[in-house]
């Protein structure tokens, strides 16, 4: 068998991820430079103002669900994930493959959250109480307790993947239908003029609105699940 006859195929989402990560990196570099040049006594504006508003929102959200002490640790991660997810959810509008429409990506993001939940629980409860929790209140409950432990991993990854994928699928069907409807009109039938009229409104719901909502739900669940395992301040 010729090993070179079957080259490794890279999914298109990989290129989208590289572009999105590169964009975020450049954005952070620009914000860093802008902050260094900003007068601390002057009223923030432009890129600095947008960065401060975003940071304050994420810090407040994390503080509300995890407490001030934990927020200082987890807020940078939550803010970074939220930015990546929003851009990924909206990337289809500019012709890129949506990374969050790939189960491998959403599962990886949910896995990080799940590891944070388990590591926090393990650290706060200790290994003995952690493993003993699987047989509470009685040993036969080990099965439902086990599935209850992995439920956030499955639900968070499938929820994000399902909503983004279904939105893209629905929009594809709508474009096919409007193209078929447009073809019934002479002369201009070769152009999907019906889709041009209705698509922007539907894109706003299935891409923009849904993209922001799914991001908010994901980061909110992450902070709540991890916050529930932290000691109350």
C-alpha atoms as a PDB file:
ATOM      1  CA  UNK A   1       0.000   0.000   0.000  1.00  0.00           C
ATOM      2  CA  UNK A   2       1.300   3.414  -0.929  1.00  0.00           C
ATOM      3  CA  UNK A   3       1.274   5.555   2.205  1.00  0.00           C
ATOM      4  CA  UNK A   4       1.321   8.720   0.114  1.00  0.00           C
ATOM      5  CA  UNK A   5      -1.806   7.823  -1.856  1.00  0.00           C
ATOM      6  CA  UNK A   6      -4.142   8.922   0.968  1.00  0.00           C
ATOM      7  CA  UNK A   7      -3.062  12.345   2.166  1.00  0.00           C
ATOM      8  CA  UNK A   8      -4.451  13.649   5.433  1.00  0.00           C
ATOM      9  CA  UNK A   9      -7.484  15.819   4.840  1.00  0.00           C
ATOM     10  CA  UNK A  10      -7.742  18.943   6.973  1.00  0.00           C
ATOM     11  CA  UNK A  11     -11.233  20.150   7.790  1.00  0.00           C
ATOM     12  CA  UNK A  12     -12.121  23.607   6.510  1.00  0.00           C
ATOM     13  CA  UNK A  13     -12.939  24.697  10.064  1.00  0.00           C
ATOM     14  CA  UNK A  14      -9.230  24.461  10.907  1.00  0.00           C
ATOM     15  CA  UNK A  15      -8.422  27.312   8.528  1.00  0.00           C
ATOM     16  CA  UNK A  16     -11.305  29.343   9.941  1.00  0.00           C
ATOM     17  CA  UNK A  17     -10.000  28.768  13.466  1.00  0.00           C
ATOM     18  CA  UNK A  18      -6.511  29.895  12.455  1.00  0.00           C
ATOM     19  CA  UNK A  19      -7.908  33.073  10.902  1.00  0.00           C
ATOM     20  CA  UNK A  20     -10.106  33.825  13.903  1.00  0.00           C
ATOM     21  CA  UNK A  21      -7.320  33.214  16.417  1.00  0.00           C
ATOM     22  CA  UNK A  22      -4.979  35.397  14.340  1.00  0.00           C
ATOM     23  CA  UNK A  23      -7.576  38.162  14.275  1.00  0.00           C
ATOM     24  CA  UNK A  24      -8.056  37.968  18.054  1.00  0.00           C
ATOM     25  CA  UNK A  25      -4.277  38.067  18.555  1.00  0.00           C
ATOM     26  CA  UNK A  26      -3.938  41.163  16.381  1.00  0.00           C
ATOM     27  CA  UNK A  27      -6.891  42.772  18.133  1.00  0.00           C
ATOM     28  CA  UNK A  28      -5.288  42.203  21.541  1.00  0.00           C
ATOM     29  CA  UNK A  29      -2.004  43.631  20.283  1.00  0.00           C
ATOM     30  CA  UNK A  30      -3.820  46.738  19.048  1.00  0.00           C
ATOM     31  CA  UNK A  31      -5.646  47.106  22.373  1.00  0.00           C
ATOM     32  CA  UNK A  32      -2.388  46.698  24.279  1.00  0.00           C
ATOM     33  CA  UNK A  33      -0.708  49.435  22.231  1.00  0.00           C
ATOM     34  CA  UNK A  34      -3.716  51.721  22.596  1.00  0.00           C
ATOM     35  CA  UNK A  35      -3.736  51.234  26.373  1.00  0.00           C
ATOM     36  CA  UNK A  36      -0.042  52.094  26.626  1.00  0.00           C
ATOM     37  CA  UNK A  37      -0.626  55.360  24.770  1.00  0.00           C
ATOM     38  CA  UNK A  38      -3.767  56.294  26.719  1.00  0.00           C
ATOM     39  CA  UNK A  39      -3.673  59.023  29.308  1.00  0.00           C
ATOM     40  CA  UNK A  40      -4.994  57.505  32.540  1.00  0.00           C
ATOM     41  CA  UNK A  41      -6.606  60.829  33.455  1.00  0.00           C
ATOM     42  CA  UNK A  42      -8.347  61.276  30.101  1.00  0.00           C
ATOM     43  CA  UNK A  43     -11.766  59.948  29.198  1.00  0.00           C
ATOM     44  CA  UNK A  44     -11.342  56.635  27.318  1.00  0.00           C
ATOM     45  CA  UNK A  45     -12.540  56.499  23.748  1.00  0.00           C
ATOM     46  CA  UNK A  46     -12.403  54.363  20.633  1.00  0.00           C
ATOM     47  CA  UNK A  47     -10.815  50.939  20.950  1.00  0.00           C
ATOM     48  CA  UNK A  48      -9.842  51.515  24.578  1.00  0.00           C
ATOM     49  CA  UNK A  49     -13.423  52.351  25.537  1.00  0.00           C
ATOM     50  CA  UNK A  50     -14.779  49.257  23.803  1.00  0.00           C
ATOM     51  CA  UNK A  51     -12.169  47.069  25.510  1.00  0.00           C
ATOM     52  CA  UNK A  52     -12.986  48.520  28.939  1.00  0.00           C
ATOM     53  CA  UNK A  53     -16.728  48.018  28.456  1.00  0.00           C
ATOM     54  CA  UNK A  54     -16.185  44.414  27.372  1.00  0.00           C
ATOM     55  CA  UNK A  55     -13.795  43.719  30.260  1.00  0.00           C
ATOM     56  CA  UNK A  56     -16.141  45.273  32.822  1.00  0.00           C
ATOM     57  CA  UNK A  57     -19.098  43.259  31.517  1.00  0.00           C
ATOM     58  CA  UNK A  58     -17.198  39.969  31.646  1.00  0.00           C
ATOM     59  CA  UNK A  59     -15.730  40.725  35.064  1.00  0.00           C
ATOM     60  CA  UNK A  60     -19.162  41.573  36.456  1.00  0.00           C
ATOM     61  CA  UNK A  61     -20.747  38.446  34.970  1.00  0.00           C
ATOM     62  CA  UNK A  62     -17.996  36.256  36.399  1.00  0.00           C
ATOM     63  CA  UNK A  63     -18.131  37.993  39.785  1.00  0.00           C
ATOM     64  CA  UNK A  64     -21.904  37.536  40.077  1.00  0.00           C
ATOM     65  CA  UNK A  65     -21.646  33.773  39.581  1.00  0.00           C
ATOM     66  CA  UNK A  66     -18.240  32.955  41.062  1.00  0.00           C
ATOM     67  CA  UNK A  67     -17.348  35.689  43.544  1.00  0.00           C
ATOM     68  CA  UNK A  68     -14.701  38.422  43.438  1.00  0.00           C
ATOM     69  CA  UNK A  69     -11.769  36.190  44.308  1.00  0.00           C
ATOM     70  CA  UNK A  70     -12.499  33.574  41.643  1.00  0.00           C
ATOM     71  CA  UNK A  71     -13.431  36.210  39.067  1.00  0.00           C
ATOM     72  CA  UNK A  72      -9.861  37.523  39.021  1.00  0.00           C
ATOM     73  CA  UNK A  73      -8.715  34.028  37.997  1.00  0.00           C
ATOM     74  CA  UNK A  74     -11.465  32.940  35.615  1.00  0.00           C
ATOM     75  CA  UNK A  75     -12.573  36.241  34.004  1.00  0.00           C
ATOM     76  CA  UNK A  76      -9.695  36.361  31.453  1.00  0.00           C
ATOM     77  CA  UNK A  77     -10.522  32.838  30.265  1.00  0.00           C
ATOM     78  CA  UNK A  78     -14.269  33.534  30.106  1.00  0.00           C
ATOM     79  CA  UNK A  79     -13.695  36.755  28.166  1.00  0.00           C
ATOM     80  CA  UNK A  80     -11.370  35.026  25.691  1.00  0.00           C
ATOM     81  CA  UNK A  81     -13.735  32.110  25.090  1.00  0.00           C
ATOM     82  CA  UNK A  82     -16.692  34.472  24.641  1.00  0.00           C
ATOM     83  CA  UNK A  83     -14.795  36.519  22.052  1.00  0.00           C
ATOM     84  CA  UNK A  84     -13.737  33.395  20.158  1.00  0.00           C
ATOM     85  CA  UNK A  85     -17.249  31.967  20.200  1.00  0.00           C
ATOM     86  CA  UNK A  86     -18.950  35.173  19.043  1.00  0.00           C
ATOM     87  CA  UNK A  87     -16.591  35.557  16.096  1.00  0.00           C
ATOM     88  CA  UNK A  88     -16.891  31.850  15.275  1.00  0.00           C
ATOM     89  CA  UNK A  89     -20.679  32.023  15.340  1.00  0.00           C
ATOM     90  CA  UNK A  90     -20.691  35.065  13.058  1.00  0.00           C
ATOM     91  CA  UNK A  91     -17.942  33.906  10.702  1.00  0.00           C
ATOM     92  CA  UNK A  92     -20.471  32.358   8.316  1.00  0.00           C
ATOM     93  CA  UNK A  93     -21.645  35.863   7.391  1.00  0.00           C
ATOM     94  CA  UNK A  94     -18.317  36.563   5.684  1.00  0.00           C
ATOM     95  CA  UNK A  95     -18.073  33.183   3.955  1.00  0.00           C
ATOM     96  CA  UNK A  96     -15.920  31.336   6.493  1.00  0.00           C
ATOM     97  CA  UNK A  97     -16.772  27.893   7.798  1.00  0.00           C
ATOM     98  CA  UNK A  98     -18.232  28.277  11.287  1.00  0.00           C
ATOM     99  CA  UNK A  99     -15.945  26.461  13.760  1.00  0.00           C
ATOM    100  CA  UNK A 100     -18.818  26.088  16.231  1.00  0.00           C
ATOM    101  CA  UNK A 101     -20.745  24.142  13.579  1.00  0.00           C
ATOM    102  CA  UNK A 102     -18.164  21.386  14.066  1.00  0.00           C
ATOM    103  CA  UNK A 103     -18.852  19.038  16.977  1.00  0.00           C
ATOM    104  CA  UNK A 104     -15.124  18.571  17.594  1.00  0.00           C
ATOM    105  CA  UNK A 105     -14.800  22.288  18.369  1.00  0.00           C
ATOM    106  CA  UNK A 106     -17.852  22.566  20.619  1.00  0.00           C
ATOM    107  CA  UNK A 107     -16.893  19.347  22.384  1.00  0.00           C
ATOM    108  CA  UNK A 108     -13.397  20.723  23.030  1.00  0.00           C
ATOM    109  CA  UNK A 109     -14.801  23.946  24.477  1.00  0.00           C
ATOM    110  CA  UNK A 110     -17.259  22.007  26.651  1.00  0.00           C
ATOM    111  CA  UNK A 111     -14.462  19.663  27.738  1.00  0.00           C
ATOM    112  CA  UNK A 112     -12.446  22.597  29.083  1.00  0.00           C
ATOM    113  CA  UNK A 113     -15.481  23.723  31.089  1.00  0.00           C
ATOM    114  CA  UNK A 114     -16.039  20.183  32.338  1.00  0.00           C
ATOM    115  CA  UNK A 115     -12.405  19.862  33.442  1.00  0.00           C
ATOM    116  CA  UNK A 116     -12.700  23.184  35.278  1.00  0.00           C
ATOM    117  CA  UNK A 117     -15.813  21.912  37.068  1.00  0.00           C
ATOM    118  CA  UNK A 118     -14.229  18.637  38.123  1.00  0.00           C
ATOM    119  CA  UNK A 119     -10.890  20.148  39.113  1.00  0.00           C
ATOM    120  CA  UNK A 120     -12.632  22.801  41.203  1.00  0.00           C
ATOM    121  CA  UNK A 121     -14.805  20.187  42.886  1.00  0.00           C
ATOM    122  CA  UNK A 122     -11.793  17.962  43.502  1.00  0.00           C
ATOM    123  CA  UNK A 123      -9.783  20.860  44.939  1.00  0.00           C
ATOM    124  CA  UNK A 124     -12.516  22.140  47.260  1.00  0.00           C
ATOM    125  CA  UNK A 125     -13.883  18.778  48.447  1.00  0.00           C
ATOM    126  CA  UNK A 126     -10.775  16.618  48.466  1.00  0.00           C
ATOM    127  CA  UNK A 127     -10.320  13.316  46.653  1.00  0.00           C
ATOM    128  CA  UNK A 128     -12.141  11.270  49.304  1.00  0.00           C
ATOM    129  CA  UNK A 129     -15.326  13.370  49.295  1.00  0.00           C
ATOM    130  CA  UNK A 130     -15.162  13.716  45.512  1.00  0.00           C
ATOM    131  CA  UNK A 131     -15.233   9.989  44.808  1.00  0.00           C
ATOM    132  CA  UNK A 132     -17.592   9.296  47.693  1.00  0.00           C
ATOM    133  CA  UNK A 133     -20.089  11.634  46.031  1.00  0.00           C
ATOM    134  CA  UNK A 134     -20.607   9.035  43.300  1.00  0.00           C
ATOM    135  CA  UNK A 135     -22.204   6.587  45.762  1.00  0.00           C
ATOM    136  CA  UNK A 136     -24.409   9.053  47.603  1.00  0.00           C
ATOM    137  CA  UNK A 137     -26.979   8.634  49.031  1.00  0.00           C
ATOM    138  CA  UNK A 138     -26.560   4.881  48.447  1.00  0.00           C
ATOM    139  CA  UNK A 139     -24.040   2.876  46.337  1.00  0.00           C
ATOM    140  CA  UNK A 140     -26.527   1.903  43.563  1.00  0.00           C
ATOM    141  CA  UNK A 141     -26.753   5.610  42.708  1.00  0.00           C
ATOM    142  CA  UNK A 142     -23.273   5.447  41.195  1.00  0.00           C
ATOM    143  CA  UNK A 143     -24.768   5.051  37.714  1.00  0.00           C
ATOM    144  CA  UNK A 144     -27.050   8.131  37.719  1.00  0.00           C
ATOM    145  CA  UNK A 145     -24.371  10.104  39.579  1.00  0.00           C
ATOM    146  CA  UNK A 146     -21.832   9.209  36.916  1.00  0.00           C
ATOM    147  CA  UNK A 147     -24.108  10.290  34.085  1.00  0.00           C
ATOM    148  CA  UNK A 148     -25.003  13.409  36.052  1.00  0.00           C
ATOM    149  CA  UNK A 149     -21.308  14.244  36.195  1.00  0.00           C
ATOM    150  CA  UNK A 150     -20.762  13.993  32.448  1.00  0.00           C
ATOM    151  CA  UNK A 151     -24.126  15.576  31.554  1.00  0.00           C
ATOM    152  CA  UNK A 152     -22.728  19.148  31.327  1.00  0.00           C
ATOM    153  CA  UNK A 153     -20.084  17.963  28.859  1.00  0.00           C
ATOM    154  CA  UNK A 154     -22.691  16.434  26.559  1.00  0.00           C
ATOM    155  CA  UNK A 155     -25.389  19.081  26.918  1.00  0.00           C
ATOM    156  CA  UNK A 156     -23.137  22.127  26.480  1.00  0.00           C
ATOM    157  CA  UNK A 157     -21.345  20.742  23.428  1.00  0.00           C
ATOM    158  CA  UNK A 158     -24.502  19.463  21.726  1.00  0.00           C
ATOM    159  CA  UNK A 159     -26.528  22.608  22.489  1.00  0.00           C
ATOM    160  CA  UNK A 160     -23.976  24.906  20.879  1.00  0.00           C
ATOM    161  CA  UNK A 161     -23.318  22.572  17.954  1.00  0.00           C
ATOM    162  CA  UNK A 162     -27.008  21.899  17.330  1.00  0.00           C
ATOM    163  CA  UNK A 163     -28.100  25.529  17.352  1.00  0.00           C
ATOM    164  CA  UNK A 164     -25.315  26.789  15.078  1.00  0.00           C
ATOM    165  CA  UNK A 165     -25.612  23.849  12.673  1.00  0.00           C
ATOM    166  CA  UNK A 166     -29.398  24.041  12.481  1.00  0.00           C
ATOM    167  CA  UNK A 167     -29.236  27.772  11.760  1.00  0.00           C
ATOM    168  CA  UNK A 168     -26.856  27.203   8.853  1.00  0.00           C
ATOM    169  CA  UNK A 169     -28.960  24.331   7.524  1.00  0.00           C
ATOM    170  CA  UNK A 170     -32.159  26.374   7.669  1.00  0.00           C
ATOM    171  CA  UNK A 171     -30.528  29.269   5.825  1.00  0.00           C
ATOM    172  CA  UNK A 172     -29.276  26.894   3.123  1.00  0.00           C
ATOM    173  CA  UNK A 173     -32.789  25.525   2.639  1.00  0.00           C
ATOM    174  CA  UNK A 174     -34.188  29.043   2.491  1.00  0.00           C
ATOM    175  CA  UNK A 175     -31.697  30.031  -0.205  1.00  0.00           C
ATOM    176  CA  UNK A 176     -32.598  26.920  -2.208  1.00  0.00           C
ATOM    177  CA  UNK A 177     -36.304  27.678  -1.884  1.00  0.00           C
ATOM    178  CA  UNK A 178     -35.968  31.372  -2.787  1.00  0.00           C
ATOM    179  CA  UNK A 179     -33.777  30.486  -5.771  1.00  0.00           C
ATOM    180  CA  UNK A 180     -36.438  28.044  -6.964  1.00  0.00           C
ATOM    181  CA  UNK A 181     -39.150  30.674  -6.396  1.00  0.00           C
ATOM    182  CA  UNK A 182     -37.155  33.320  -8.262  1.00  0.00           C
ATOM    183  CA  UNK A 183     -36.690  31.002 -11.245  1.00  0.00           C
ATOM    184  CA  UNK A 184     -40.414  31.214 -11.987  1.00  0.00           C
ATOM    185  CA  UNK A 185     -40.046  34.841 -13.066  1.00  0.00           C
ATOM    186  CA  UNK A 186     -38.889  35.487 -16.622  1.00  0.00           C
ATOM    187  CA  UNK A 187     -35.801  37.534 -17.434  1.00  0.00           C
ATOM    188  CA  UNK A 188     -34.789  38.098 -13.785  1.00  0.00           C
ATOM    189  CA  UNK A 189     -35.346  34.459 -12.793  1.00  0.00           C
ATOM    190  CA  UNK A 190     -31.647  33.658 -12.972  1.00  0.00           C
ATOM    191  CA  UNK A 191     -31.014  35.938 -10.019  1.00  0.00           C
ATOM    192  CA  UNK A 192     -32.218  35.012  -6.537  1.00  0.00           C
ATOM    193  CA  UNK A 193     -33.875  38.377  -5.933  1.00  0.00           C
ATOM    194  CA  UNK A 194     -36.357  36.923  -3.421  1.00  0.00           C
ATOM    195  CA  UNK A 195     -33.511  35.653  -1.250  1.00  0.00           C
ATOM    196  CA  UNK A 196     -31.885  39.092  -1.288  1.00  0.00           C
ATOM    197  CA  UNK A 197     -35.042  40.573   0.222  1.00  0.00           C
ATOM    198  CA  UNK A 198     -35.676  38.035   2.980  1.00  0.00           C
ATOM    199  CA  UNK A 199     -32.179  36.702   3.748  1.00  0.00           C
ATOM    200  CA  UNK A 200     -30.853  39.722   5.734  1.00  0.00           C
ATOM    201  CA  UNK A 201     -33.707  39.502   8.252  1.00  0.00           C
ATOM    202  CA  UNK A 202     -33.278  35.753   8.663  1.00  0.00           C
ATOM    203  CA  UNK A 203     -29.497  36.066   8.913  1.00  0.00           C
ATOM    204  CA  UNK A 204     -29.964  38.561  11.714  1.00  0.00           C
ATOM    205  CA  UNK A 205     -31.933  35.973  13.707  1.00  0.00           C
ATOM    206  CA  UNK A 206     -30.164  32.712  12.831  1.00  0.00           C
ATOM    207  CA  UNK A 207     -26.608  34.113  12.781  1.00  0.00           C
ATOM    208  CA  UNK A 208     -26.349  37.344  14.743  1.00  0.00           C
ATOM    209  CA  UNK A 209     -29.018  36.973  17.429  1.00  0.00           C
ATOM    210  CA  UNK A 210     -28.552  33.219  17.851  1.00  0.00           C
ATOM    211  CA  UNK A 211     -24.757  33.585  17.803  1.00  0.00           C
ATOM    212  CA  UNK A 212     -24.753  36.066  20.676  1.00  0.00           C
ATOM    213  CA  UNK A 213     -27.379  34.144  22.657  1.00  0.00           C
ATOM    214  CA  UNK A 214     -25.526  30.824  22.369  1.00  0.00           C
ATOM    215  CA  UNK A 215     -22.291  32.486  23.456  1.00  0.00           C
ATOM    216  CA  UNK A 216     -23.990  34.053  26.460  1.00  0.00           C
ATOM    217  CA  UNK A 217     -25.602  30.759  27.465  1.00  0.00           C
ATOM    218  CA  UNK A 218     -22.290  28.894  27.201  1.00  0.00           C
ATOM    219  CA  UNK A 219     -20.256  31.313  29.306  1.00  0.00           C
ATOM    220  CA  UNK A 220     -23.111  31.743  31.778  1.00  0.00           C
ATOM    221  CA  UNK A 221     -23.357  27.973  32.313  1.00  0.00           C
ATOM    222  CA  UNK A 222     -19.578  27.762  32.641  1.00  0.00           C
ATOM    223  CA  UNK A 223     -19.463  30.374  35.395  1.00  0.00           C
ATOM    224  CA  UNK A 224     -22.490  28.906  37.174  1.00  0.00           C
ATOM    225  CA  UNK A 225     -21.283  25.295  37.090  1.00  0.00           C
ATOM    226  CA  UNK A 226     -17.788  26.203  38.261  1.00  0.00           C
ATOM    227  CA  UNK A 227     -19.122  28.749  40.773  1.00  0.00           C
ATOM    228  CA  UNK A 228     -21.371  26.114  42.361  1.00  0.00           C
ATOM    229  CA  UNK A 229     -18.268  24.115  43.308  1.00  0.00           C
ATOM    230  CA  UNK A 230     -16.467  27.074  44.896  1.00  0.00           C
ATOM    231  CA  UNK A 231     -16.734  27.965  48.589  1.00  0.00           C
ATOM    232  CA  UNK A 232     -19.274  30.682  49.220  1.00  0.00           C
ATOM    233  CA  UNK A 233     -17.660  34.031  49.974  1.00  0.00           C
END
